[in-house]
N, C-alpha and C. Protein backbone atom coordinates (compact mmCIF):
# COMPACT_ATOMS: atom_id res chain seq x y z
N MET A 1 0.58 -1.37 -0.23
CA MET A 1 0.16 -0.13 0.00
C MET A 1 0.71 1.02 0.15
N SER A 2 1.74 1.20 0.43
CA SER A 2 2.54 2.66 0.89
C SER A 2 3.67 2.73 -0.88
N GLU A 3 3.39 1.70 -1.50
CA GLU A 3 4.01 1.88 -2.94
C GLU A 3 2.42 2.90 -3.82
N GLN A 4 1.87 2.24 -3.48
CA GLN A 4 0.29 2.60 -4.28
C GLN A 4 0.59 4.61 -3.37
N SER A 5 0.95 4.85 -2.07
CA SER A 5 0.87 6.40 -1.96
C SER A 5 1.61 7.16 -2.39
N SER A 6 2.59 6.27 -2.77
CA SER A 6 4.25 6.83 -3.22
C SER A 6 3.85 7.70 -4.63
N ALA A 7 2.66 6.71 -5.18
CA ALA A 7 2.59 6.90 -6.67
C ALA A 7 1.66 8.38 -6.58
N PHE A 8 0.91 7.50 -5.67
CA PHE A 8 -0.19 9.26 -5.85
C PHE A 8 0.01 10.35 -5.50
N THR A 9 1.01 10.39 -4.26
CA THR A 9 1.82 11.44 -4.23
C THR A 9 2.50 12.28 -5.10
N ALA A 10 3.02 11.14 -5.63
CA ALA A 10 4.11 12.27 -6.84
C ALA A 10 3.09 11.95 -7.75
N LEU A 11 1.60 11.83 -7.81
CA LEU A 11 1.16 12.00 -8.91
C LEU A 11 0.58 13.53 -9.25
N VAL A 12 -0.01 13.29 -7.50
CA VAL A 12 -0.27 15.00 -6.80
C VAL A 12 0.35 16.27 -7.09
N SER A 13 1.62 15.89 -6.78
CA SER A 13 3.18 16.42 -6.87
C SER A 13 2.53 17.17 -7.86
N LEU A 14 2.99 16.35 -9.01
CA LEU A 14 3.20 16.43 -10.37
C LEU A 14 2.37 17.04 -11.53
N ALA A 15 0.79 16.78 -10.91
CA ALA A 15 0.00 17.85 -11.20
C ALA A 15 0.33 19.14 -10.74
N SER A 16 0.31 19.65 -9.41
CA SER A 16 0.80 20.50 -8.53
C SER A 16 1.91 21.74 -9.38
N SER A 17 2.46 21.05 -9.57
CA SER A 17 3.69 21.85 -10.51
C SER A 17 3.71 21.90 -12.03
N CYS A 18 1.89 21.53 -12.54
CA CYS A 18 2.77 21.72 -13.87
C CYS A 18 1.23 22.90 -13.66
N ARG A 19 0.40 22.77 -12.58
CA ARG A 19 -0.78 23.53 -12.44
C ARG A 19 0.22 24.77 -12.48
N ALA A 20 0.82 25.46 -11.40
CA ALA A 20 2.00 26.35 -11.50
C ALA A 20 2.44 26.82 -12.48
N ALA A 21 3.25 25.63 -13.29
CA ALA A 21 4.34 26.38 -14.85
C ALA A 21 3.26 26.80 -15.84
N ALA A 22 1.72 26.64 -15.81
CA ALA A 22 1.25 26.37 -16.85
C ALA A 22 0.47 27.75 -17.65
N LYS A 23 0.55 28.08 -18.26
CA LYS A 23 0.38 29.69 -18.79
C LYS A 23 -0.97 29.91 -18.72
N GLY A 24 -1.96 31.08 -17.70
CA GLY A 24 -3.70 30.83 -18.63
C GLY A 24 -3.87 31.34 -19.60
N LEU A 25 -5.31 31.11 -19.35
CA LEU A 25 -5.77 31.84 -20.53
C LEU A 25 -5.74 33.54 -21.28
N PRO A 26 -6.01 33.60 -22.54
CA PRO A 26 -6.30 35.19 -21.91
C PRO A 26 -7.85 35.04 -21.84
N ALA A 27 -7.48 36.22 -21.11
CA ALA A 27 -9.14 36.96 -20.96
C ALA A 27 -9.51 37.39 -21.67
N GLN A 28 -10.90 37.08 -21.24
CA GLN A 28 -11.99 37.16 -22.25
C GLN A 28 -12.05 38.93 -23.11
N ILE A 29 -11.80 39.66 -21.83
CA ILE A 29 -11.59 40.70 -23.25
C ILE A 29 -10.34 41.33 -23.95
N ASP A 30 -9.32 40.53 -23.97
CA ASP A 30 -8.56 41.10 -24.77
C ASP A 30 -9.14 40.30 -26.01
N ALA A 31 -10.57 38.93 -26.32
CA ALA A 31 -10.70 39.24 -27.64
C ALA A 31 -11.66 39.82 -28.30
N ARG A 32 -11.47 40.56 -29.32
CA ARG A 32 -12.12 41.38 -30.25
C ARG A 32 -13.11 40.49 -30.99
N PRO A 33 -14.52 40.84 -30.88
CA PRO A 33 -15.87 40.29 -32.00
C PRO A 33 -14.62 41.38 -33.48
N GLN A 34 -15.45 39.84 -34.15
CA GLN A 34 -14.20 39.88 -35.89
C GLN A 34 -15.46 39.79 -35.99
N TRP A 35 -15.75 40.92 -37.66
CA TRP A 35 -16.88 40.67 -38.67
C TRP A 35 -16.29 40.12 -40.03
N SER A 36 -16.35 39.60 -40.85
CA SER A 36 -15.40 39.19 -41.95
C SER A 36 -16.58 38.44 -43.29
N GLY A 37 -15.49 38.92 -44.27
CA GLY A 37 -16.15 38.63 -45.56
C GLY A 37 -15.15 38.64 -46.87
N ILE A 38 -16.22 39.03 -47.86
CA ILE A 38 -14.62 38.08 -49.02
C ILE A 38 -14.64 39.97 -49.82
N GLY A 39 -13.21 39.58 -50.10
CA GLY A 39 -13.10 41.41 -50.41
C GLY A 39 -12.58 41.16 -51.82
N PHE A 40 -12.42 42.24 -52.57
CA PHE A 40 -12.78 42.54 -53.65
C PHE A 40 -12.46 43.78 -54.29
N THR A 41 -11.98 43.99 -55.64
CA THR A 41 -11.98 45.49 -56.24
C THR A 41 -13.11 46.03 -56.66
N LEU A 42 -13.33 46.90 -57.46
CA LEU A 42 -14.16 47.68 -58.43
C LEU A 42 -14.61 49.06 -58.66
N LEU A 43 -13.82 49.17 -59.90
CA LEU A 43 -14.34 50.60 -59.85
C LEU A 43 -13.11 51.55 -59.21
N GLY A 44 -11.89 50.84 -58.28
CA GLY A 44 -10.36 51.53 -58.13
C GLY A 44 -11.10 51.73 -56.32
N SER A 45 -11.98 50.88 -56.28
CA SER A 45 -12.39 50.63 -54.82
C SER A 45 -12.34 49.42 -54.03
N HIS A 46 -11.36 49.29 -52.43
CA HIS A 46 -11.99 48.13 -52.42
C HIS A 46 -13.52 47.92 -51.43
N PHE A 47 -13.45 46.33 -51.64
CA PHE A 47 -15.13 46.37 -50.87
C PHE A 47 -15.09 44.97 -50.47
N VAL A 48 -15.78 45.08 -49.54
CA VAL A 48 -15.93 43.16 -48.65
C VAL A 48 -17.80 42.76 -48.98
N ALA A 49 -18.11 42.09 -49.17
CA ALA A 49 -18.92 40.67 -49.07
C ALA A 49 -18.90 40.35 -48.38
N PRO A 50 -20.66 40.66 -47.40
CA PRO A 50 -21.05 39.90 -46.64
C PRO A 50 -20.34 38.06 -46.48
N MET A 51 -19.83 37.57 -45.29
CA MET A 51 -19.96 35.87 -45.82
C MET A 51 -20.85 35.39 -46.38
N ASP A 52 -22.15 35.77 -45.79
CA ASP A 52 -23.16 34.35 -46.48
C ASP A 52 -24.20 35.15 -47.33
N GLU A 53 -23.35 36.29 -47.95
CA GLU A 53 -24.19 36.64 -49.70
C GLU A 53 -23.08 36.03 -50.12
N VAL A 54 -22.03 35.22 -49.70
CA VAL A 54 -21.54 35.33 -51.58
C VAL A 54 -21.34 33.61 -51.50
N SER A 55 -21.51 33.02 -52.23
CA SER A 55 -22.39 31.66 -51.73
C SER A 55 -20.24 30.69 -52.24
N GLU A 56 -19.65 31.12 -53.68
CA GLU A 56 -18.66 31.25 -54.32
C GLU A 56 -18.26 31.99 -54.74
N MET A 57 -16.58 32.11 -55.35
CA MET A 57 -16.24 32.64 -56.23
C MET A 57 -15.48 31.83 -57.21
N LEU A 58 -15.27 32.15 -58.61
CA LEU A 58 -14.37 31.03 -59.63
C LEU A 58 -14.69 32.36 -60.16
N GLU A 59 -13.15 31.53 -60.77
CA GLU A 59 -12.35 31.77 -62.14
C GLU A 59 -13.75 32.96 -63.10
N VAL A 60 -13.23 33.32 -64.23
CA VAL A 60 -14.42 33.83 -65.11
C VAL A 60 -14.61 32.14 -65.98
N PRO A 61 -15.59 32.07 -66.33
CA PRO A 61 -15.85 31.11 -67.12
C PRO A 61 -16.04 31.56 -68.19
N SER A 62 -15.62 30.50 -69.32
CA SER A 62 -16.82 31.02 -70.18
C SER A 62 -17.41 30.46 -70.65
N TYR A 63 -18.28 32.20 -71.29
CA TYR A 63 -19.73 32.19 -71.45
C TYR A 63 -20.65 32.31 -73.30
N THR A 64 -21.53 32.56 -72.84
CA THR A 64 -22.40 32.63 -74.06
C THR A 64 -23.79 34.01 -74.25
N HIS A 65 -22.59 35.18 -75.41
CA HIS A 65 -23.67 36.11 -74.95
C HIS A 65 -25.18 35.83 -75.56
N LEU A 66 -26.40 36.68 -74.57
CA LEU A 66 -27.61 37.29 -75.14
C LEU A 66 -27.69 37.85 -75.83
N PRO A 67 -29.29 37.80 -76.61
CA PRO A 67 -29.25 39.17 -77.35
C PRO A 67 -30.76 39.64 -76.30
N GLY A 68 -30.39 40.55 -77.07
CA GLY A 68 -31.90 41.53 -76.26
C GLY A 68 -31.60 41.93 -74.64
N VAL A 69 -30.80 42.06 -74.48
CA VAL A 69 -30.57 42.46 -72.54
C VAL A 69 -29.08 43.69 -72.67
N GLN A 70 -29.72 43.77 -71.41
CA GLN A 70 -28.40 45.42 -71.07
C GLN A 70 -27.49 44.99 -71.94
N PRO A 71 -26.47 46.03 -72.11
CA PRO A 71 -24.99 45.35 -71.74
C PRO A 71 -24.09 45.02 -70.94
N TRP A 72 -24.71 45.97 -69.60
CA TRP A 72 -23.62 45.03 -69.03
C TRP A 72 -24.14 43.44 -67.93
N VAL A 73 -24.99 42.83 -69.20
CA VAL A 73 -25.42 41.43 -68.76
C VAL A 73 -24.40 40.77 -69.90
N ARG A 74 -23.09 40.06 -69.46
CA ARG A 74 -22.08 39.17 -70.26
C ARG A 74 -22.79 38.12 -71.31
N GLY A 75 -23.30 37.00 -70.58
CA GLY A 75 -23.87 36.00 -71.07
C GLY A 75 -24.75 35.13 -69.99
N VAL A 76 -24.88 33.68 -70.61
CA VAL A 76 -24.66 32.81 -69.76
C VAL A 76 -23.59 31.59 -69.45
N ALA A 77 -23.49 30.82 -68.83
CA ALA A 77 -22.32 30.22 -68.54
C ALA A 77 -22.90 28.86 -68.15
N ASN A 78 -22.40 27.41 -68.34
CA ASN A 78 -22.40 26.40 -67.57
C ASN A 78 -21.37 25.41 -66.27
N VAL A 79 -21.89 26.35 -65.13
CA VAL A 79 -21.12 25.74 -64.31
C VAL A 79 -22.00 24.86 -63.91
N ARG A 80 -20.77 23.87 -63.67
CA ARG A 80 -21.14 22.37 -62.82
C ARG A 80 -22.59 21.81 -62.99
N GLY A 81 -23.14 22.27 -64.84
CA GLY A 81 -24.12 21.57 -64.86
C GLY A 81 -25.44 22.51 -64.36
N ARG A 82 -25.67 23.80 -64.12
CA ARG A 82 -26.20 24.54 -64.12
C ARG A 82 -25.97 25.97 -64.78
N LEU A 83 -27.35 26.67 -64.74
CA LEU A 83 -27.08 28.14 -65.81
C LEU A 83 -26.45 28.71 -64.92
N LEU A 84 -25.88 29.99 -65.30
CA LEU A 84 -25.11 31.17 -64.21
C LEU A 84 -24.98 32.28 -65.55
N PRO A 85 -26.31 33.02 -65.32
CA PRO A 85 -26.16 34.66 -65.73
C PRO A 85 -24.99 35.24 -65.01
N LEU A 86 -24.22 36.02 -66.30
CA LEU A 86 -22.56 36.46 -65.92
C LEU A 86 -22.96 38.15 -66.32
N PHE A 87 -23.07 38.75 -64.95
CA PHE A 87 -23.23 40.39 -64.98
C PHE A 87 -22.00 41.35 -64.92
N ASP A 88 -21.70 42.05 -65.79
CA ASP A 88 -20.64 43.17 -65.86
C ASP A 88 -20.76 43.90 -64.04
N LEU A 89 -20.29 43.65 -63.13
CA LEU A 89 -20.92 44.52 -61.64
C LEU A 89 -19.82 46.26 -62.20
N ALA A 90 -18.97 46.33 -62.58
CA ALA A 90 -19.01 47.72 -62.68
C ALA A 90 -19.71 48.20 -63.93
N ALA A 91 -19.59 47.46 -65.04
CA ALA A 91 -20.77 48.00 -65.93
C ALA A 91 -21.78 48.83 -65.74
N PHE A 92 -22.57 47.66 -64.60
CA PHE A 92 -23.84 48.12 -63.92
C PHE A 92 -23.81 49.31 -63.43
N CYS A 93 -22.20 49.29 -62.58
CA CYS A 93 -22.35 50.69 -61.49
C CYS A 93 -21.66 52.05 -62.60
N GLY A 94 -22.04 51.84 -63.20
CA GLY A 94 -21.26 53.23 -64.17
C GLY A 94 -20.12 52.66 -65.06
N GLY A 95 -19.37 52.07 -64.53
CA GLY A 95 -18.02 52.49 -65.55
C GLY A 95 -17.44 51.67 -66.12
N ARG A 96 -16.02 50.67 -65.38
CA ARG A 96 -15.86 49.32 -66.47
C ARG A 96 -14.96 48.90 -66.14
N LEU A 97 -14.66 47.53 -65.98
CA LEU A 97 -13.65 46.40 -65.37
C LEU A 97 -11.93 47.41 -65.64
N VAL A 98 -11.38 46.96 -64.60
CA VAL A 98 -9.69 47.62 -65.04
C VAL A 98 -9.00 46.48 -64.68
N GLY A 99 -7.94 47.06 -65.06
CA GLY A 99 -6.84 45.35 -65.00
C GLY A 99 -7.19 44.57 -65.88
N GLY A 100 -6.28 43.51 -66.22
CA GLY A 100 -6.39 41.96 -66.84
C GLY A 100 -7.40 41.25 -66.42
N ARG A 101 -7.30 40.75 -67.60
CA ARG A 101 -8.90 39.68 -67.62
C ARG A 101 -8.03 37.88 -66.59
N LYS A 102 -6.73 38.40 -66.62
CA LYS A 102 -7.00 37.25 -65.61
C LYS A 102 -6.73 36.96 -64.19
N ARG A 103 -6.73 38.75 -63.83
CA ARG A 103 -6.87 38.63 -62.66
C ARG A 103 -9.13 39.10 -62.00
N ARG A 104 -9.08 39.47 -63.19
CA ARG A 104 -11.20 39.46 -62.87
C ARG A 104 -11.58 37.58 -62.49
N ARG A 105 -12.76 37.86 -61.34
CA ARG A 105 -13.56 36.67 -60.88
C ARG A 105 -15.06 37.11 -60.60
N VAL A 106 -15.43 35.91 -60.10
CA VAL A 106 -16.57 35.97 -60.68
C VAL A 106 -17.13 35.91 -59.03
N LEU A 107 -18.20 36.48 -58.35
CA LEU A 107 -18.58 36.35 -57.70
C LEU A 107 -20.10 35.47 -57.50
N VAL A 108 -20.42 34.52 -56.37
CA VAL A 108 -21.48 33.99 -57.40
C VAL A 108 -22.90 34.21 -56.11
N LEU A 109 -23.86 34.90 -56.38
CA LEU A 109 -24.74 34.92 -55.33
C LEU A 109 -25.82 34.28 -55.53
N GLU A 110 -26.20 33.78 -54.03
CA GLU A 110 -27.57 32.61 -54.39
C GLU A 110 -28.46 33.26 -53.65
N THR A 111 -29.74 32.98 -54.23
CA THR A 111 -30.50 33.25 -52.85
C THR A 111 -31.76 32.64 -53.55
N GLU A 112 -33.36 32.34 -52.57
CA GLU A 112 -34.14 32.04 -53.32
C GLU A 112 -34.76 31.65 -54.68
N GLU A 113 -34.12 33.11 -54.92
CA GLU A 113 -35.59 33.76 -56.53
C GLU A 113 -33.89 33.93 -57.29
N LEU A 114 -32.63 34.30 -56.97
CA LEU A 114 -31.53 34.48 -57.82
C LEU A 114 -30.41 33.82 -57.80
N TYR A 115 -29.52 33.24 -58.83
CA TYR A 115 -28.40 32.04 -59.07
C TYR A 115 -28.00 33.71 -60.08
N THR A 116 -26.57 34.46 -59.61
CA THR A 116 -26.07 35.29 -60.63
C THR A 116 -24.67 35.33 -60.28
N GLY A 117 -24.08 35.50 -61.32
CA GLY A 117 -22.41 35.59 -61.53
C GLY A 117 -22.15 36.98 -60.69
N LEU A 118 -21.43 37.64 -60.86
CA LEU A 118 -21.17 38.90 -60.86
C LEU A 118 -19.50 39.48 -61.46
N ILE A 119 -19.59 39.24 -62.50
CA ILE A 119 -17.93 39.47 -62.69
C ILE A 119 -17.16 41.08 -62.10
N VAL A 120 -16.59 41.16 -60.91
CA VAL A 120 -15.03 41.86 -60.48
C VAL A 120 -13.75 41.64 -60.83
N ASP A 121 -13.20 43.12 -60.28
CA ASP A 121 -11.66 43.07 -60.88
C ASP A 121 -10.99 42.35 -60.38
N GLN A 122 -11.07 42.02 -59.07
CA GLN A 122 -10.14 40.87 -58.59
C GLN A 122 -10.66 40.92 -57.19
N VAL A 123 -9.95 39.49 -56.81
CA VAL A 123 -11.02 39.57 -54.99
C VAL A 123 -9.37 38.83 -54.63
N PHE A 124 -9.49 39.00 -53.07
CA PHE A 124 -8.71 39.31 -52.16
C PHE A 124 -8.95 38.33 -51.50
N GLY A 125 -10.36 37.53 -51.07
CA GLY A 125 -10.35 36.06 -50.40
C GLY A 125 -10.53 36.89 -48.68
N MET A 126 -11.16 36.25 -48.12
CA MET A 126 -11.88 36.88 -47.03
C MET A 126 -10.64 37.54 -45.73
N GLN A 127 -11.45 38.45 -45.17
CA GLN A 127 -11.07 39.60 -44.54
C GLN A 127 -11.83 39.72 -43.25
N HIS A 128 -10.63 40.14 -42.51
CA HIS A 128 -11.17 39.96 -41.27
C HIS A 128 -10.54 41.39 -40.50
N PHE A 129 -12.51 41.87 -39.72
CA PHE A 129 -12.29 43.09 -39.12
C PHE A 129 -12.65 43.17 -37.75
N PRO A 130 -11.93 44.04 -37.08
CA PRO A 130 -12.46 43.78 -35.75
C PRO A 130 -13.98 44.58 -35.80
N ALA A 131 -14.74 43.81 -35.57
CA ALA A 131 -16.21 44.48 -35.60
C ALA A 131 -16.47 45.75 -35.08
N ASP A 132 -16.30 46.31 -34.01
CA ASP A 132 -16.04 47.74 -33.59
C ASP A 132 -15.57 48.46 -34.18
N GLU A 133 -14.54 48.46 -35.16
CA GLU A 133 -14.68 49.65 -36.17
C GLU A 133 -15.38 50.02 -37.37
N PHE A 134 -16.39 48.97 -37.22
CA PHE A 134 -17.51 49.46 -38.23
C PHE A 134 -17.10 51.11 -38.37
N GLN A 135 -17.50 51.89 -39.37
CA GLN A 135 -17.74 52.79 -39.80
C GLN A 135 -18.77 52.94 -40.46
N GLN A 136 -19.98 54.12 -39.97
CA GLN A 136 -21.30 54.07 -41.45
C GLN A 136 -21.19 54.11 -42.42
N ASN A 137 -20.41 55.27 -42.98
CA ASN A 137 -20.33 56.35 -43.76
C ASN A 137 -19.10 55.08 -44.77
N SER A 138 -18.73 56.00 -45.81
CA SER A 138 -18.56 54.81 -46.69
C SER A 138 -17.36 55.60 -47.30
N SER A 139 -16.20 54.93 -47.94
CA SER A 139 -15.40 56.33 -48.69
C SER A 139 -15.65 57.00 -49.87
N ASP A 140 -15.13 57.52 -50.29
CA ASP A 140 -15.53 58.46 -51.91
C ASP A 140 -15.84 56.97 -52.52
N LEU A 141 -16.92 57.45 -53.39
CA LEU A 141 -17.67 55.98 -54.42
C LEU A 141 -17.74 56.46 -55.63
N VAL A 142 -17.75 56.08 -56.73
CA VAL A 142 -18.32 55.94 -57.91
C VAL A 142 -19.97 56.18 -57.50
N GLU A 143 -21.03 57.11 -57.78
CA GLU A 143 -22.46 56.89 -57.50
C GLU A 143 -22.69 56.15 -57.79
N GLY A 144 -22.93 55.27 -59.20
CA GLY A 144 -23.40 54.33 -59.49
C GLY A 144 -23.19 52.63 -58.37
N VAL A 145 -22.12 53.18 -57.12
CA VAL A 145 -22.45 52.65 -56.05
C VAL A 145 -22.59 51.64 -54.89
N GLN A 146 -22.73 53.32 -54.25
CA GLN A 146 -23.39 54.07 -53.16
C GLN A 146 -24.68 53.38 -52.82
N PRO A 147 -25.37 53.63 -53.29
CA PRO A 147 -26.68 52.47 -52.75
C PRO A 147 -26.48 51.58 -52.37
N TYR A 148 -25.71 50.28 -52.65
CA TYR A 148 -24.89 48.86 -51.74
C TYR A 148 -23.70 49.19 -50.71
N ALA A 149 -23.27 50.53 -50.89
CA ALA A 149 -22.33 50.23 -49.92
C ALA A 149 -23.04 50.49 -48.45
N LEU A 150 -22.86 49.78 -47.58
CA LEU A 150 -23.07 50.03 -46.41
C LEU A 150 -21.97 50.35 -45.74
N GLY A 151 -21.84 51.51 -45.13
CA GLY A 151 -20.48 51.30 -44.29
C GLY A 151 -19.29 50.79 -45.11
N SER A 152 -18.33 51.04 -43.76
CA SER A 152 -16.91 50.67 -43.88
C SER A 152 -16.07 50.47 -42.42
N TYR A 153 -14.81 49.06 -43.33
CA TYR A 153 -13.99 48.93 -41.61
C TYR A 153 -12.62 49.67 -42.55
N PRO A 154 -11.76 50.71 -42.09
CA PRO A 154 -10.40 51.19 -42.80
C PRO A 154 -9.34 49.63 -41.73
N LEU A 155 -8.56 48.76 -43.02
CA LEU A 155 -7.52 48.80 -42.14
C LEU A 155 -6.23 48.75 -42.82
N GLU A 156 -5.25 48.63 -41.75
CA GLU A 156 -4.62 49.81 -42.42
C GLU A 156 -4.20 50.94 -42.96
N GLU A 157 -3.49 50.91 -43.95
CA GLU A 157 -3.89 52.34 -45.17
C GLU A 157 -5.25 52.34 -45.85
N LEU A 158 -5.24 50.85 -45.93
CA LEU A 158 -6.81 50.43 -47.16
C LEU A 158 -8.53 51.20 -46.15
N THR A 159 -9.79 51.61 -47.22
CA THR A 159 -11.28 51.71 -46.44
C THR A 159 -11.61 50.27 -47.31
N TRP A 160 -12.62 49.24 -46.10
CA TRP A 160 -13.00 48.50 -47.43
C TRP A 160 -14.00 48.39 -47.36
N ASN A 161 -14.98 49.24 -47.92
CA ASN A 161 -16.42 49.58 -48.40
C ASN A 161 -17.28 47.97 -48.10
N VAL A 162 -18.14 47.86 -47.45
CA VAL A 162 -19.35 47.06 -47.03
C VAL A 162 -20.05 46.65 -48.18
N PHE A 163 -19.95 46.00 -49.50
CA PHE A 163 -20.97 46.10 -50.57
C PHE A 163 -22.27 45.10 -50.20
N ARG A 164 -23.34 45.14 -50.14
CA ARG A 164 -24.51 44.20 -49.80
C ARG A 164 -24.71 44.42 -50.92
N LEU A 165 -24.71 43.00 -51.49
CA LEU A 165 -24.96 42.21 -52.55
C LEU A 165 -26.61 41.87 -52.88
N SER A 166 -27.40 41.57 -51.41
CA SER A 166 -28.03 41.60 -50.71
C SER A 166 -28.94 42.73 -50.99
N VAL A 167 -28.66 43.98 -50.97
CA VAL A 167 -29.31 45.23 -51.49
C VAL A 167 -29.61 44.85 -53.00
N LEU A 168 -28.11 44.99 -53.35
CA LEU A 168 -27.93 44.45 -55.05
C LEU A 168 -29.41 43.53 -55.64
N ALA A 169 -29.83 42.07 -55.27
CA ALA A 169 -29.95 41.64 -55.58
C ALA A 169 -32.12 41.88 -55.36
N GLN A 170 -32.16 43.04 -54.74
CA GLN A 170 -33.63 43.82 -54.51
C GLN A 170 -33.76 44.64 -55.37
N ASP A 171 -32.71 45.03 -55.93
CA ASP A 171 -33.03 46.16 -57.29
C ASP A 171 -33.91 45.65 -58.09
N GLN A 172 -34.84 46.89 -58.62
CA GLN A 172 -35.35 46.16 -59.55
C GLN A 172 -34.22 46.12 -61.06
N ARG A 173 -33.96 48.04 -60.83
CA ARG A 173 -32.67 47.73 -62.43
C ARG A 173 -31.82 46.71 -62.23
N PHE A 174 -31.78 46.00 -61.35
CA PHE A 174 -30.44 44.74 -61.83
C PHE A 174 -31.22 43.10 -62.13
N THR A 175 -32.16 42.95 -61.60
CA THR A 175 -33.32 42.32 -61.59
C THR A 175 -33.98 42.17 -63.02
N ASP A 176 -34.22 43.22 -63.99
CA ASP A 176 -34.45 43.53 -64.93
C ASP A 176 -34.02 43.54 -66.16
N ALA A 177 -33.05 42.16 -66.28
CA ALA A 177 -32.09 43.11 -67.52
C ALA A 177 -31.82 42.98 -68.76
N ALA A 178 -33.39 42.48 -68.89
CA ALA A 178 -33.97 42.36 -70.74
C ALA A 178 -33.80 43.59 -70.88
N ARG A 179 -33.69 44.22 -72.14
CA ARG A 179 -33.17 45.52 -72.32
C ARG A 179 -34.37 46.37 -72.93
N ASP A 180 -35.28 47.40 -72.82
CA ASP A 180 -36.21 48.10 -73.02
C ASP A 180 -36.51 48.03 -74.79
N ILE A 181 -37.00 47.51 -75.02
CA ILE A 181 -37.35 47.94 -76.67
C ILE A 181 -39.09 48.63 -76.80
């Protein structure tokens, strides 16, 4: 029995020394809530779309042009067996895409009523911002983008404007892509 008690005493001693040497967990005050989105550029500005509003990101697929549609409708692509209408977001907002074609990407917006791809200048992937640094105003933006930019996050020397794809999806001008004849 003394062998068992000495083993137990050794384990208690080891546990005590481990607890004394262990570093504590960070305090809750140190953890800042984060807001995350998909970063992209459009018309010379940096934007971030909420994560729950972008279902996927793609390279610009080959597509077929459609007759009788607005000039900002690029066409329709077959993406894994689904027809994806492609819209030039810069042209819709009154500008044009900049930079090389190889950098352009498609942000896929999928709701119950809408499945569409938005061509943007460049995508940077997930961006994370301290939630408490959100600002109600957006930086200087092209007029055509302003209805969809709802605030911003400063990060280092850049301002990331929040682009709400859900607001775009509800815009009658966007959903009526057929050319008025």
